[in-house]
């Protein structure tokens, strides 16, 4: 599965795949919807922080898509 670099596109993939989104991950997904790049800010919060908080709250999301998306988000954080 090819995962795009655009954060908002990744957010759409997550919402399509994760059927019962953990409540604590929802605000970070909402913020990710507004982001294109890991280098942007969402208001005063860096996108990198939002992605890190999302990953911390997405441990219950499992499966092939989850693994691919989480790996892509970690790759974007490392760039």
Protein backbone atom coordinates (compact mmCIF):
# COMPACT_ATOMS: atom_id res chain seq x y z
CA UNK A 1 0.00 0.00 0.00
CA UNK A 2 1.35 3.39 -1.03
CA UNK A 3 0.92 5.94 1.77
CA UNK A 4 1.13 9.61 0.69
CA UNK A 5 3.29 12.23 2.41
CA UNK A 6 0.37 14.65 2.86
CA UNK A 7 -0.90 14.46 6.45
CA UNK A 8 -4.52 15.25 5.51
CA UNK A 9 -4.51 12.40 2.97
CA UNK A 10 -3.16 10.05 5.64
CA UNK A 11 -5.95 11.19 7.98
CA UNK A 12 -8.54 10.09 5.40
CA UNK A 13 -6.94 6.64 5.16
CA UNK A 14 -7.01 6.33 8.95
CA UNK A 15 -10.68 7.28 9.22
CA UNK A 16 -11.61 4.84 6.44
CA UNK A 17 -9.76 1.94 8.05
CA UNK A 18 -10.09 2.46 11.82
CA UNK A 19 -13.68 1.54 12.56
CA UNK A 20 -13.81 2.40 16.28
CA UNK A 21 -11.41 5.30 16.71
CA UNK A 22 -10.09 5.61 20.25
CA UNK A 23 -11.62 8.78 21.72
CA UNK A 24 -8.24 10.25 22.74
CA UNK A 25 -6.95 10.00 19.15
CA UNK A 26 -9.88 11.97 17.70
CA UNK A 27 -8.61 15.53 18.41
CA UNK A 28 -5.28 14.70 16.78
CA UNK A 29 -7.02 13.26 13.73
CA UNK A 30 -9.13 16.42 13.53
CA UNK A 31 -5.95 18.50 13.51
CA UNK A 32 -4.27 16.20 10.97
CA UNK A 33 -7.17 16.88 8.58
CA UNK A 34 -5.92 20.49 8.32
CA UNK A 35 -2.24 19.68 7.69
CA UNK A 36 -0.36 19.06 4.47
CA UNK A 37 3.19 18.80 5.77
CA UNK A 38 4.93 17.57 8.90
CA UNK A 39 6.67 20.98 9.00
CA UNK A 40 3.47 23.00 9.38
CA UNK A 41 1.78 24.26 12.52
CA UNK A 42 -1.80 23.73 13.56
CA UNK A 43 -2.40 27.02 15.32
CA UNK A 44 0.61 27.10 17.67
CA UNK A 45 1.18 23.32 17.75
CA UNK A 46 3.82 21.83 15.42
CA UNK A 47 2.49 19.10 13.13
CA UNK A 48 5.24 16.80 14.37
CA UNK A 49 3.84 17.03 17.92
CA UNK A 50 0.32 16.33 16.70
CA UNK A 51 1.52 13.24 14.83
CA UNK A 52 3.47 12.03 17.88
CA UNK A 53 0.41 12.44 20.11
CA UNK A 54 -1.73 10.65 17.54
CA UNK A 55 0.71 7.72 17.44
CA UNK A 56 0.71 7.54 21.23
CA UNK A 57 -3.09 7.25 21.18
CA UNK A 58 -3.33 4.87 18.23
CA UNK A 59 -1.94 1.73 19.83
CA UNK A 60 -5.34 0.00 19.62
CA UNK A 61 -5.47 0.51 15.83
CA UNK A 62 -4.09 -2.66 14.26
CA UNK A 63 -3.80 -4.40 10.92
CA UNK A 64 -1.84 -4.03 7.70
CA UNK A 65 -3.09 -0.51 6.97
CA UNK A 66 -2.35 0.59 10.52
CA UNK A 67 1.20 -0.75 10.32
CA UNK A 68 1.80 0.95 6.95
CA UNK A 69 0.37 4.29 8.08
CA UNK A 70 2.23 4.30 11.40
CA UNK A 71 5.49 3.46 9.61
CA UNK A 72 4.91 6.34 7.17
CA UNK A 73 4.15 8.79 9.97
CA UNK A 74 7.31 7.72 11.81
CA UNK A 75 9.29 8.14 8.58
CA UNK A 76 7.91 11.67 8.16
CA UNK A 77 8.89 12.48 11.74
CA UNK A 78 12.46 11.31 11.07
CA UNK A 79 12.89 13.48 7.96
